């Protein structure tokens, strides 16, 4: 069959093989780029999550320390405000992180 193709088109069989090899190489390159982009996206999401957790912990620590300090100085209202702010921050952050993980799970299914 390839000899017949060669008789119709000059070097037809060789050209067909080259075209197939170039197309396969291109497809592999596209797949590799797609995988690299997905890996980079996953890594950046992990970094963002860790950063949020660290910042929330730092804020929680600072507001708890401020609350304890204000309690020792006799400022119950100020201590309550800082304590309430830390509680709201923790609950909000946990909600946001759980919502983000559920959104990530849904995107994997699609």
Protein backbone atom coordinates (compact mmCIF):
# COMPACT_ATOMS: atom_id res chain seq x y z
CA UNK A 1 0.00 0.00 0.00
CA UNK A 2 2.84 2.42 0.82
CA UNK A 3 4.48 1.65 -2.54
CA UNK A 4 1.25 2.62 -4.27
CA UNK A 5 1.17 5.84 -2.28
CA UNK A 6 4.79 6.52 -3.32
CA UNK A 7 3.81 6.06 -6.97
CA UNK A 8 1.04 8.66 -6.66
CA UNK A 9 2.92 11.23 -4.52
CA UNK A 10 6.69 11.59 -4.67
CA UNK A 11 8.14 10.31 -1.35
CA UNK A 12 4.53 10.07 -0.17
CA UNK A 13 5.09 7.28 2.33
CA UNK A 14 8.05 9.08 3.94
CA UNK A 15 6.14 12.35 4.05
CA UNK A 16 3.14 10.63 5.64
CA UNK A 17 5.36 9.11 8.33
CA UNK A 18 7.02 12.47 9.01
CA UNK A 19 3.63 14.15 9.30
CA UNK A 20 2.45 11.49 11.74
CA UNK A 21 5.61 11.80 13.83
CA UNK A 22 5.32 15.62 13.95
CA UNK A 23 1.66 15.42 14.94
CA UNK A 24 2.40 12.91 17.71
CA UNK A 25 5.29 15.04 18.97
CA UNK A 26 3.02 18.09 19.00
CA UNK A 27 0.30 16.19 20.89
CA UNK A 28 2.80 15.00 23.49
CA UNK A 29 4.11 18.55 23.89
CA UNK A 30 0.56 19.88 24.42
CA UNK A 31 -0.16 17.16 26.99
CA UNK A 32 3.09 17.95 28.80
CA UNK A 33 2.24 21.67 28.93
CA UNK A 34 -1.25 20.94 30.23
CA UNK A 35 0.10 18.71 33.00
CA UNK A 36 2.73 21.31 33.94
CA UNK A 37 0.03 24.00 34.16
CA UNK A 38 -2.18 21.79 36.35
CA UNK A 39 0.73 20.98 38.67
CA UNK A 40 1.59 24.67 38.98
CA UNK A 41 -2.04 25.50 39.81
CA UNK A 42 -2.19 22.83 42.50
CA UNK A 43 1.09 24.01 44.02
CA UNK A 44 -0.05 27.63 44.12
CA UNK A 45 -3.33 26.65 45.79
CA UNK A 46 -1.40 24.76 48.45
CA UNK A 47 0.84 27.77 49.05
CA UNK A 48 -2.16 30.10 49.29
CA UNK A 49 -3.83 27.81 51.83
CA UNK A 50 -0.71 27.61 53.98
CA UNK A 51 -0.30 31.37 53.85
CA UNK A 52 -3.90 31.91 54.96
CA UNK A 53 -3.50 29.43 57.82
CA UNK A 54 -0.28 31.09 58.99
CA UNK A 55 -1.79 34.60 58.84
CA UNK A 56 -4.91 33.47 60.70
CA UNK A 57 -2.78 31.85 63.38
CA UNK A 58 -0.70 35.02 63.77
CA UNK A 59 -3.81 37.19 64.05
CA UNK A 60 -5.36 34.76 66.51
CA UNK A 61 -2.22 34.78 68.63
CA UNK A 62 -1.95 38.58 68.59
CA UNK A 63 -5.62 39.19 69.40
CA UNK A 64 -5.57 36.58 72.18
CA UNK A 65 -2.43 38.19 73.65
CA UNK A 66 -4.09 41.62 73.44
CA UNK A 67 -7.21 40.23 75.09
CA UNK A 68 -5.22 38.71 77.97
CA UNK A 69 -3.25 41.94 78.36
CA UNK A 70 -6.45 43.99 78.53
CA UNK A 71 -7.97 41.59 81.06
CA UNK A 72 -4.93 41.99 83.32
CA UNK A 73 -5.26 45.79 83.05
CA UNK A 74 -8.96 45.67 83.95
CA UNK A 75 -10.42 46.56 80.54
CA UNK A 76 -13.09 43.89 80.15
CA UNK A 77 -14.83 45.55 77.19
CA UNK A 78 -11.65 45.86 75.16
CA UNK A 79 -10.68 42.30 76.06
CA UNK A 80 -14.10 41.11 74.89
CA UNK A 81 -13.72 42.94 71.60
CA UNK A 82 -10.33 41.40 70.89
CA UNK A 83 -11.54 37.98 72.01
CA UNK A 84 -14.63 38.28 69.82
CA UNK A 85 -12.53 39.39 66.86
CA UNK A 86 -10.30 36.36 67.22
CA UNK A 87 -13.30 34.05 67.46
CA UNK A 88 -14.92 35.57 64.36
CA UNK A 89 -11.62 35.33 62.48
CA UNK A 90 -11.17 31.65 63.30
CA UNK A 91 -14.75 30.75 62.37
CA UNK A 92 -14.62 32.80 59.17
CA UNK A 93 -11.29 31.33 58.14
CA UNK A 94 -12.43 27.77 58.77
CA UNK A 95 -15.56 28.46 56.74
CA UNK A 96 -13.57 29.99 53.87
CA UNK A 97 -11.03 27.16 53.84
CA UNK A 98 -13.73 24.48 53.86
CA UNK A 99 -15.66 26.29 51.12
CA UNK A 100 -12.48 26.54 49.05
CA UNK A 101 -11.72 22.84 49.42
CA UNK A 102 -15.26 21.91 48.35
CA UNK A 103 -14.98 24.21 45.31
CA UNK A 104 -11.67 22.53 44.42
CA UNK A 105 -13.28 19.09 44.71
CA UNK A 106 -16.08 20.11 42.35
CA UNK A 107 -13.63 21.42 39.73
CA UNK A 108 -11.79 18.08 39.73
CA UNK A 109 -15.03 16.23 38.89
CA UNK A 110 -15.75 18.42 35.86
